[in-house]
Amino acid sequence: MSHPGIAYFGAFGVDQNCIRQALAAALSRGAEFADLYFEHRVARSLGMEDGAVNRAYAGIDLGVGVRAVRGDQTGYAYTEDLSLAAILRAAHTAAAIADGTANPGPVAMHDQSVANRYPITRPWSDVTTPEKLPILQDLERRAFAADPRVKKVSLGFGDDTATILIASSDGRLAFDVQPMTRLGISLVAEQGGRRESGASNVAARHDLSYYSPERLQRLLSDAVDRTTIQFEASQPPAGEMPVVLGAGSSGILLHEAIGHGLEADFNRKGVSIYADRLGKSIASPLVTLVDDATGDHQRGAINVDDEGNPAGRTVLVEGGILQGYLHDEMSARHYGVTPTGNGRRESFRHPPMPRMRSTYMLGGPHSKEEIIASVQRGIYCDHFGNGQVQIGAGDFTFFVKCGWLIENGKLTQPIKDVNLIGNGPKVLEQVDMVANDLQIDEGGWTCGKDGQSVPVSQGIPTVRVRSMTVGGR
């Protein structure tokens, strides 16, 4: 058969016969389902500091992961050797999870059509280092010129292209070419003997044309503003108060405080606080939350998930009511539903599991100005750092790198290094104003779970939470 994925991996010795034999071996001891995940990834990065390139990297990764599934049990093995003998050894290793009569492999393989959400004009393999350097050099020059307090500039440019082929025992073949690029800038500024640091980055599934003059200027301005504002900033008073979450990067709170709790494996195992809440109210009626793979060129966009299922848009919470979970193949079988295209993995060395893609809250009826004006005393969160969440209880803590004090309906004093402490479900119930300014953050967000990291996007409109615990002075 003629299939672009088999044609691509044919250069490494993989053909239809190899795929059939490997699937048959994975099913040889009674597994109910098996799949192969072929991956070829080429990654490059370039760093600049003190006016000179101080780091450069290029790497190539190639291999296949073999999965065999029986009930709730998974056998998994991988190999970096794509010879038939090596793939069969991996398949027999994965098959050992089961002990029964062999199941037949697919009678016929058929192409799983996929969308095209990140078309590019020029592949990264054609872009040379001398073409990237002027971008870094210009950003460095402009960063020093933007503010005399800027004393140190560090820049990093990365790109990679992952080509994947998934073949499953139900006959599906899915092929995708996934580009990615990321550009980050970190600054150190000094004033009166005191030093502060700040950073900004952007990322997308795009080519070199992504770095338009407007985007580069926004990247630079964000980094300079986030760094220099800290000389004026202080910690706010601690206590319970209204919190306004700024549009965009505040979506990290949704991602951590509720997103992971809606991944179906946590619910299937009874770990998540949402395990028995389907069809019930879990948030304010103003909250509608989706997980979406369809945003053109977004970092969290995918055409197909890592199990070969089409990746679309999933409504998780609508009007405060929990509508469903994020499913991979295994959890979908458990719940008797269709997979939502959320089976993701870091690489061929890892089995898939339910993961987010681009998770965000839809806009509401208010304006940003209206929300800020409604707060007599509280804080506005502009830029988040890290956070931690306890999946079972939903308790979380988040670090706000910079924001503003709100006094009498106005942004007054800049603030920094603030901890937000709360409980995911309770905070969602406390949402009482949602603006119409939804923003999907462009940052290079990476989500970690069970030792695996995958690229994601997130977003949120400006939102008022009636009361949260603020850890300040």
Protein backbone atom coordinates (compact mmCIF):
# COMPACT_ATOMS: atom_id res chain seq x y z
CA MET A 1 0.00 0.00 0.00
CA SER A 2 1.07 3.60 -0.54
CA HIS A 3 1.07 5.54 2.71
CA PRO A 4 3.14 8.65 3.46
CA GLY A 5 4.12 7.39 6.90
CA ILE A 6 5.33 4.03 5.66
CA ALA A 7 7.10 5.79 2.79
CA TYR A 8 8.85 8.12 5.27
CA PHE A 9 9.93 5.42 7.72
CA GLY A 10 10.77 3.15 4.80
CA ALA A 11 14.05 5.08 4.65
CA PHE A 12 14.85 3.42 8.00
CA GLY A 13 13.83 -0.06 6.86
CA VAL A 14 10.21 -0.06 8.08
CA ASP A 15 7.59 -1.49 5.73
CA GLN A 16 4.06 -2.86 5.92
CA ASN A 17 5.30 -6.40 6.54
CA CYS A 18 7.39 -5.22 9.49
CA ILE A 19 4.37 -3.45 10.99
CA ARG A 20 2.13 -6.50 10.58
CA GLN A 21 4.64 -8.86 12.14
CA ALA A 22 5.27 -6.52 15.06
CA LEU A 23 1.55 -6.11 15.81
CA ALA A 24 1.06 -9.88 15.60
CA ALA A 25 3.94 -10.39 18.06
CA ALA A 26 2.47 -7.83 20.47
CA LEU A 27 -0.85 -9.72 20.37
CA SER A 28 0.76 -13.17 20.58
CA ARG A 29 -0.02 -13.78 24.27
CA GLY A 30 -3.59 -12.61 24.42
CA ALA A 31 -3.42 -8.83 24.48
CA GLU A 32 -6.67 -7.25 23.33
CA PHE A 33 -5.07 -4.27 21.63
CA ALA A 34 -1.61 -3.24 20.44
CA ASP A 35 0.01 -0.31 18.71
CA LEU A 36 3.35 0.87 17.39
CA TYR A 37 4.59 4.44 17.74
CA PHE A 38 7.41 5.32 15.34
CA GLU A 39 9.18 8.63 15.89
CA HIS A 40 11.96 10.55 14.16
CA ARG A 41 12.84 13.85 15.84
CA VAL A 42 15.44 16.44 14.86
CA ALA A 43 16.05 19.20 17.43
CA ARG A 44 18.39 22.18 17.47
CA SER A 45 19.03 24.99 19.92
CA LEU A 46 21.17 28.10 19.98
CA GLY A 47 22.06 30.36 22.90
CA MET A 48 23.62 33.81 23.15
CA GLU A 49 25.02 35.67 26.13
CA ASP A 50 27.43 38.60 26.47
CA GLY A 51 27.31 39.20 22.75
CA ALA A 52 28.49 35.74 21.76
CA VAL A 53 27.03 32.33 21.04
CA ASN A 54 27.70 30.35 24.22
CA ARG A 55 25.83 27.15 23.47
CA ALA A 56 24.63 25.21 20.44
CA TYR A 57 23.03 21.82 20.21
CA ALA A 58 21.68 19.47 17.57
CA GLY A 59 20.16 16.07 18.24
CA ILE A 60 18.46 13.29 16.35
CA ASP A 61 16.17 10.73 17.99
CA LEU A 62 14.74 7.68 16.26
CA GLY A 63 12.87 4.67 17.53
CA VAL A 64 9.60 2.84 18.07
CA GLY A 65 7.51 2.09 21.13
CA VAL A 66 5.37 -1.06 21.25
CA ARG A 67 2.33 -1.28 23.51
CA ALA A 68 0.18 -4.29 24.36
CA VAL A 69 -3.03 -3.81 26.37
CA ARG A 70 -5.16 -6.35 28.19
CA GLY A 71 -7.90 -4.98 30.42
CA ASP A 72 -6.39 -2.27 32.57
CA GLN A 73 -2.87 -3.67 32.17
CA THR A 74 -0.30 -2.27 29.74
CA GLY A 75 2.92 -3.84 28.54
CA TYR A 76 5.38 -1.44 26.95
CA ALA A 77 8.80 -1.71 25.36
CA TYR A 78 10.82 0.40 22.96
CA THR A 79 13.88 0.18 20.76
CA GLU A 80 16.13 2.66 18.99
CA ASP A 81 16.98 -0.07 16.47
CA LEU A 82 14.40 -0.21 13.67
CA SER A 83 15.51 -3.58 12.29
CA LEU A 84 12.73 -6.18 12.14
CA ALA A 85 14.50 -8.39 14.69
CA ALA A 86 14.79 -5.57 17.25
CA ILE A 87 11.19 -4.46 16.81
CA LEU A 88 9.96 -8.05 17.23
CA ARG A 89 11.97 -8.40 20.45
CA ALA A 90 10.33 -5.26 21.81
CA ALA A 91 6.90 -6.52 20.72
CA HIS A 92 7.35 -9.85 22.49
CA THR A 93 8.50 -8.02 25.62
CA ALA A 94 5.37 -5.86 25.61
CA ALA A 95 3.21 -8.92 24.93
CA ALA A 96 4.33 -10.56 28.19
CA ILE A 97 1.72 -8.50 30.05
CA ALA A 98 -0.86 -11.07 28.90
CA ASP A 99 -1.04 -14.83 29.15
CA GLY A 100 -3.60 -16.34 26.82
CA THR A 101 -4.49 -17.17 23.25
CA ALA A 102 -2.96 -15.02 20.51
CA ASN A 103 -5.24 -12.46 18.92
CA PRO A 104 -4.99 -11.88 15.17
CA GLY A 105 -3.54 -8.64 13.89
CA PRO A 106 -5.37 -6.32 11.51
CA VAL A 107 -6.73 -7.83 8.31
CA ALA A 108 -6.18 -4.56 6.46
CA MET A 109 -4.47 -1.29 7.35
CA HIS A 110 -6.30 1.94 6.56
CA ASP A 111 -5.21 5.55 6.63
CA GLN A 112 -6.46 7.71 9.49
CA SER A 113 -6.94 11.14 7.93
CA VAL A 114 -5.67 14.05 10.00
CA ALA A 115 -6.15 17.80 9.97
CA ASN A 116 -3.47 20.30 8.95
CA ARG A 117 -3.25 22.81 11.80
CA TYR A 118 0.38 23.83 11.46
CA PRO A 119 1.27 24.14 7.78
CA ILE A 120 4.69 25.67 7.21
CA THR A 121 6.29 27.16 4.13
CA ARG A 122 9.84 26.16 4.92
CA PRO A 123 10.93 23.24 7.12
CA TRP A 124 13.36 23.91 9.95
CA SER A 125 15.87 21.54 8.37
CA ASP A 126 16.38 24.17 5.66
CA VAL A 127 16.99 27.05 8.11
CA THR A 128 20.67 27.72 8.81
CA THR A 129 22.28 29.08 11.98
CA PRO A 130 23.40 32.28 10.20
CA GLU A 131 19.71 33.01 9.53
CA LYS A 132 18.84 32.79 13.23
CA LEU A 133 21.77 34.77 14.61
CA PRO A 134 20.59 38.22 13.41
CA ILE A 135 17.34 37.75 15.38
CA LEU A 136 19.27 37.13 18.61
CA GLN A 137 21.81 39.88 17.95
CA ASP A 138 19.09 42.44 17.24
CA LEU A 139 17.12 41.49 20.36
CA GLU A 140 20.23 41.79 22.51
CA ARG A 141 21.09 45.23 21.11
CA ARG A 142 17.54 46.49 21.59
CA ALA A 143 17.30 45.09 25.12
CA PHE A 144 20.33 47.09 26.25
CA ALA A 145 18.99 50.18 24.47
CA ALA A 146 15.51 49.83 26.00
CA ASP A 147 16.61 50.65 29.54
CA PRO A 148 20.05 51.65 30.87
CA ARG A 149 19.46 49.49 33.95
CA VAL A 150 19.64 46.30 31.84
CA LYS A 151 23.08 44.79 32.50
CA LYS A 152 22.84 41.26 31.17
CA VAL A 153 20.89 39.65 28.32
CA SER A 154 20.57 35.90 27.70
CA LEU A 155 18.77 34.53 24.63
CA GLY A 156 17.75 31.05 23.53
CA PHE A 157 16.39 29.89 20.17
CA GLY A 158 15.13 26.36 19.64
CA ASP A 159 13.39 24.38 16.94
CA ASP A 160 12.49 20.76 16.44
CA THR A 161 10.49 18.62 14.06
CA ALA A 162 8.92 15.34 15.13
CA THR A 163 7.68 12.94 12.46
CA ILE A 164 5.44 10.22 13.85
CA LEU A 165 3.65 7.14 12.54
CA ILE A 166 1.13 5.24 14.67
CA ALA A 167 -0.04 1.78 13.60
CA SER A 168 -2.66 0.01 15.70
CA SER A 169 -4.07 -3.49 15.79
CA ASP A 170 -7.50 -2.27 14.67
CA GLY A 171 -5.91 -1.34 11.34
CA ARG A 172 -5.44 2.41 11.75
CA LEU A 173 -2.39 4.20 10.37
CA ALA A 174 -1.85 7.83 11.34
CA PHE A 175 1.03 10.04 10.22
CA ASP A 176 1.96 13.56 11.29
CA VAL A 177 4.84 16.01 10.96
CA GLN A 178 4.97 18.31 13.99
CA PRO A 179 7.16 21.43 13.88
CA MET A 180 7.94 23.51 16.95
CA THR A 181 9.94 26.62 17.70
CA ARG A 182 10.66 28.65 20.84
CA LEU A 183 12.47 31.92 21.50
CA GLY A 184 13.21 33.21 25.00
CA ILE A 185 14.94 36.23 26.50
CA SER A 186 16.12 36.66 30.11
CA LEU A 187 17.32 39.95 31.56
CA VAL A 188 19.17 41.13 34.64
CA ALA A 189 18.80 44.79 35.58
CA GLU A 190 20.53 46.80 38.29
CA GLN A 191 19.46 49.90 40.18
CA GLY A 192 21.15 51.35 43.24
CA GLY A 193 23.16 48.18 43.83
CA ARG A 194 20.02 46.01 43.70
CA ARG A 195 19.51 43.43 40.97
CA GLU A 196 16.29 42.05 39.53
CA SER A 197 15.65 39.50 36.80
CA GLY A 198 12.83 38.83 34.39
CA ALA A 199 12.09 36.88 31.25
CA SER A 200 9.68 36.29 28.41
CA ASN A 201 9.32 33.65 25.73
CA VAL A 202 7.10 32.69 22.81
CA ALA A 203 6.54 29.34 21.14
CA ALA A 204 4.47 27.88 18.34
CA ARG A 205 4.20 25.08 15.81
CA HIS A 206 5.45 27.35 13.05
CA ASP A 207 8.38 28.22 10.84
CA LEU A 208 10.81 31.15 10.78
CA SER A 209 8.07 33.53 9.56
CA TYR A 210 6.53 33.32 13.05
CA TYR A 211 9.11 35.82 14.28
CA SER A 212 7.51 38.94 12.86
CA PRO A 213 8.76 42.40 13.91
CA GLU A 214 5.58 42.88 15.98
CA ARG A 215 6.01 39.59 17.87
CA LEU A 216 9.68 40.24 18.55
CA GLN A 217 8.89 43.71 19.87
CA ARG A 218 6.21 42.31 22.17
CA LEU A 219 8.62 39.65 23.42
CA LEU A 220 11.25 42.29 24.19
CA SER A 221 8.82 44.74 25.80
CA ASP A 222 7.39 42.05 28.05
CA ALA A 223 10.85 41.01 29.26
CA VAL A 224 11.97 44.59 29.95
CA ASP A 225 8.72 45.54 31.68
CA ARG A 226 8.65 42.41 33.86
CA THR A 227 12.23 43.04 34.94
CA THR A 228 12.25 46.78 35.61
CA ILE A 229 8.83 46.96 37.30
CA GLN A 230 10.26 44.90 40.15
CA PHE A 231 12.32 47.86 41.38
CA GLU A 232 9.02 49.54 42.27
CA ALA A 233 7.20 46.41 43.42
CA SER A 234 6.61 45.11 46.92
CA GLN A 235 4.67 42.28 48.50
CA PRO A 236 1.00 43.00 49.24
CA PRO A 237 -0.62 42.53 52.63
CA ALA A 238 -1.50 38.89 53.29
CA GLY A 239 -5.00 37.59 53.87
CA GLU A 240 -8.30 36.75 52.21
CA MET A 241 -9.22 39.15 49.40
CA PRO A 242 -10.61 39.38 45.86
CA VAL A 243 -8.15 38.27 43.19
CA VAL A 244 -8.32 39.32 39.55
CA LEU A 245 -6.60 36.89 37.19
CA GLY A 246 -5.19 38.68 34.16
CA ALA A 247 -5.98 37.35 30.69
CA GLY A 248 -3.51 34.89 29.19
CA SER A 249 -0.86 33.36 31.41
CA SER A 250 -3.20 33.14 34.43
CA GLY A 251 -4.53 30.08 32.61
CA ILE A 252 -1.78 28.17 34.44
CA LEU A 253 -4.08 28.21 37.45
CA LEU A 254 -6.83 26.47 35.45
CA HIS A 255 -4.33 24.01 34.01
CA GLU A 256 -3.07 22.94 37.42
CA ALA A 257 -6.02 23.48 39.72
CA ILE A 258 -8.65 21.72 37.57
CA GLY A 259 -7.13 20.53 34.28
CA HIS A 260 -5.10 17.65 35.71
CA GLY A 261 -8.05 16.64 37.87
CA LEU A 262 -10.11 16.13 34.69
CA GLU A 263 -7.63 13.76 33.07
CA ALA A 264 -9.54 10.50 32.95
CA ASP A 265 -6.85 8.21 34.36
CA PHE A 266 -6.98 10.03 37.70
CA ASN A 267 -10.77 9.64 37.71
CA ARG A 268 -10.73 6.02 36.55
CA LYS A 269 -8.48 5.24 39.51
CA GLY A 270 -10.62 7.28 41.91
CA VAL A 271 -7.76 9.66 42.70
CA SER A 272 -9.30 12.88 41.43
CA ILE A 273 -11.72 14.99 43.44
CA TYR A 274 -13.91 15.03 40.29
CA ALA A 275 -14.23 11.23 40.02
CA ASP A 276 -17.92 11.20 41.02
CA ARG A 277 -18.94 14.64 39.77
CA LEU A 278 -19.99 14.02 36.14
CA GLY A 279 -23.16 15.94 35.37
CA LYS A 280 -22.88 17.92 38.60
CA SER A 281 -22.05 21.53 39.33
CA ILE A 282 -18.35 22.02 40.08
CA ALA A 283 -17.97 25.74 39.33
CA SER A 284 -19.71 29.05 38.99
CA PRO A 285 -22.28 29.21 36.13
CA LEU A 286 -19.90 31.71 34.50
CA VAL A 287 -17.26 29.01 34.00
CA THR A 288 -17.03 27.12 30.69
CA LEU A 289 -13.78 25.24 30.27
CA VAL A 290 -12.51 23.51 27.12
CA ASP A 291 -9.45 21.57 26.06
CA ASP A 292 -8.73 22.27 22.42
CA ALA A 293 -6.20 20.89 19.93
CA THR A 294 -7.48 22.90 16.97
CA GLY A 295 -5.81 26.31 17.38
CA ASP A 296 -3.75 27.00 14.27
CA HIS A 297 -0.02 26.89 15.01
CA GLN A 298 -0.53 26.90 18.79
CA ARG A 299 2.11 25.15 20.88
CA GLY A 300 -0.58 22.87 22.30
CA ALA A 301 -2.17 22.09 18.93
CA ILE A 302 -1.99 18.58 17.50
CA ASN A 303 -3.53 17.09 14.37
CA VAL A 304 -3.71 13.61 15.84
CA ASP A 305 -2.92 12.32 19.30
CA ASP A 306 -0.16 9.82 20.04
CA GLU A 307 -2.56 6.89 19.75
CA GLY A 308 -3.67 7.85 16.24
CA ASN A 309 -7.01 9.39 17.24
CA PRO A 310 -8.23 12.66 15.69
CA ALA A 311 -7.61 15.57 18.05
CA GLY A 312 -10.45 18.07 18.36
CA ARG A 313 -12.15 20.28 20.90
CA THR A 314 -13.52 18.86 24.15
CA VAL A 315 -15.91 20.75 26.44
CA LEU A 316 -15.04 19.83 30.01
CA VAL A 317 -17.20 22.24 32.02
CA GLU A 318 -20.17 24.13 30.62
CA GLY A 319 -22.01 26.71 32.68
CA GLY A 320 -20.33 25.27 35.78
CA ILE A 321 -21.51 21.67 35.07
CA LEU A 322 -18.90 18.94 34.59
CA GLN A 323 -19.48 17.49 31.11
CA GLY A 324 -16.66 14.98 30.73
CA TYR A 325 -13.01 14.03 31.09
CA LEU A 326 -9.92 13.96 28.89
CA HIS A 327 -9.62 10.42 27.53
CA ASP A 328 -7.03 8.20 25.99
CA GLU A 329 -7.87 4.77 24.53
CA MET A 330 -7.74 2.94 27.86
CA SER A 331 -9.91 5.34 29.86
CA ALA A 332 -12.38 5.65 26.97
CA ARG A 333 -12.88 1.87 26.98
CA HIS A 334 -13.34 1.96 30.75
CA TYR A 335 -16.04 4.65 30.53
CA GLY A 336 -17.59 3.34 27.29
CA VAL A 337 -17.02 6.60 25.41
CA THR A 338 -15.10 7.74 22.35
CA PRO A 339 -11.47 8.81 22.94
CA THR A 340 -11.15 12.60 23.00
CA GLY A 341 -7.75 12.67 21.27
CA ASN A 342 -5.85 13.32 24.51
CA GLY A 343 -3.58 10.27 24.51
CA ARG A 344 -0.13 11.87 24.56
CA ARG A 345 3.44 10.82 25.29
CA GLU A 346 6.82 12.52 25.55
CA SER A 347 8.48 10.22 23.02
CA PHE A 348 8.57 6.66 21.72
CA ARG A 349 10.18 5.70 25.05
CA HIS A 350 6.93 6.34 26.92
CA PRO A 351 3.41 4.90 26.84
CA PRO A 352 0.57 7.37 26.24
CA MET A 353 -1.73 8.71 28.94
CA PRO A 354 -4.47 11.37 29.11
CA ARG A 355 -2.87 14.80 28.83
CA MET A 356 -4.05 18.34 28.14
CA ARG A 357 -3.43 20.18 24.88
CA SER A 358 -4.66 23.82 25.00
CA THR A 359 -6.87 24.36 28.02
CA TYR A 360 -8.78 27.60 28.51
CA MET A 361 -11.91 29.26 29.88
CA LEU A 362 -14.35 30.93 27.52
CA GLY A 363 -15.09 34.63 27.83
CA GLY A 364 -18.03 36.11 29.73
CA PRO A 365 -20.21 39.23 29.78
CA HIS A 366 -17.93 41.69 31.57
CA SER A 367 -15.00 43.89 30.58
CA LYS A 368 -11.55 44.00 32.14
CA GLU A 369 -12.11 47.60 33.21
CA GLU A 370 -15.43 46.74 34.81
CA ILE A 371 -13.86 43.91 36.78
CA ILE A 372 -10.98 46.00 38.12
CA ALA A 373 -13.35 48.84 39.02
CA SER A 374 -15.45 46.39 41.08
CA VAL A 375 -12.62 45.63 43.53
CA GLN A 376 -12.08 47.91 46.50
CA ARG A 377 -9.07 46.07 47.88
CA GLY A 378 -7.42 43.10 46.21
CA ILE A 379 -4.71 42.10 43.77
CA TYR A 380 -4.35 41.77 40.01
CA CYS A 381 -2.18 38.85 38.80
CA ASP A 382 -0.23 39.64 35.66
CA HIS A 383 2.49 37.01 35.32
CA PHE A 384 2.71 33.61 37.01
CA GLY A 385 5.72 31.52 37.90
CA ASN A 386 5.46 27.94 39.13
CA GLY A 387 2.77 26.14 41.08
CA GLN A 388 1.87 22.91 42.84
CA VAL A 389 -1.42 21.06 43.12
CA GLN A 390 -2.62 17.99 45.01
CA ILE A 391 -4.78 16.10 42.50
CA GLY A 392 -6.80 14.21 45.10
CA ALA A 393 -7.89 17.16 47.22
CA GLY A 394 -7.54 19.92 44.63
CA ASP A 395 -5.44 22.07 46.99
CA PHE A 396 -2.90 24.31 45.27
CA THR A 397 -0.33 27.04 45.71
CA PHE A 398 0.84 29.34 42.91
CA PHE A 399 3.64 31.85 42.67
CA VAL A 400 2.74 35.20 41.10
CA LYS A 401 5.91 36.78 39.74
CA CYS A 402 4.37 40.20 39.20
CA GLY A 403 1.02 41.97 39.41
CA TRP A 404 -0.68 45.00 40.93
CA LEU A 405 -2.46 46.04 44.08
CA ILE A 406 -6.06 47.10 43.45
CA GLU A 407 -7.33 49.92 45.63
CA ASN A 408 -10.69 51.62 45.21
CA GLY A 409 -11.18 50.11 41.76
CA LYS A 410 -7.78 51.14 40.37
CA LEU A 411 -4.41 49.47 39.78
CA THR A 412 -2.00 51.26 42.12
CA GLN A 413 1.19 49.70 43.48
CA PRO A 414 3.07 46.98 41.53
CA ILE A 415 3.54 43.76 43.52
CA LYS A 416 5.80 40.73 43.19
CA ASP A 417 6.62 37.33 44.71
CA VAL A 418 3.07 36.59 45.83
CA ASN A 419 1.69 33.17 46.72
CA LEU A 420 -1.92 32.28 45.95
CA ILE A 421 -3.23 29.47 48.13
CA GLY A 422 -6.53 27.73 47.62
CA ASN A 423 -8.60 24.78 46.49
CA GLY A 424 -9.48 24.27 42.82
CA PRO A 425 -13.20 23.50 43.18
CA LYS A 426 -13.73 26.23 45.78
CA VAL A 427 -11.96 28.84 43.65
CA LEU A 428 -14.06 27.92 40.61
CA GLU A 429 -17.18 28.35 42.71
CA GLN A 430 -15.90 31.79 43.77
CA VAL A 431 -15.62 33.08 40.17
CA ASP A 432 -18.18 35.88 39.98
CA MET A 433 -17.04 37.99 36.99
CA VAL A 434 -15.60 36.89 33.63
CA ALA A 435 -14.48 39.32 30.93
CA ASN A 436 -14.84 39.09 27.16
CA ASP A 437 -11.07 39.24 26.51
CA LEU A 438 -10.00 35.58 26.26
CA GLN A 439 -6.29 35.34 25.47
CA ILE A 440 -4.36 32.17 24.65
CA ASP A 441 -0.87 32.69 26.03
CA GLU A 442 1.96 32.27 23.51
CA GLY A 443 4.55 31.15 26.06
CA GLY A 444 6.54 27.95 25.79
CA TRP A 445 4.54 26.07 28.41
CA THR A 446 5.51 22.46 29.14
CA CYS A 447 3.38 20.14 31.26
CA GLY A 448 4.90 17.42 33.41
CA LYS A 449 3.12 14.27 34.56
CA ASP A 450 4.48 10.91 35.73
CA GLY A 451 7.95 11.82 34.50
CA GLN A 452 6.79 12.83 31.03
CA SER A 453 6.80 16.34 29.55
CA VAL A 454 4.67 17.53 26.64
CA PRO A 455 4.10 20.98 25.09
CA VAL A 456 0.80 22.67 25.97
CA SER A 457 -1.01 25.97 25.63
CA GLN A 458 -3.38 27.65 28.05
CA GLY A 459 -5.49 30.73 28.32
CA ILE A 460 -8.13 32.62 30.24
CA PRO A 461 -10.03 35.90 30.03
CA THR A 462 -9.77 38.42 32.86
CA VAL A 463 -11.55 36.75 35.79
CA ARG A 464 -12.53 37.90 39.28
CA VAL A 465 -12.39 35.39 42.11
CA ARG A 466 -14.47 36.71 45.00
CA SER A 467 -11.99 35.58 47.65
CA MET A 468 -8.65 33.77 47.77
CA THR A 469 -5.84 33.45 50.28
CA VAL A 470 -2.97 35.74 49.37
CA GLY A 471 0.38 35.06 50.96
CA GLY A 472 2.18 38.38 51.16
CA ARG A 473 3.65 40.41 54.02
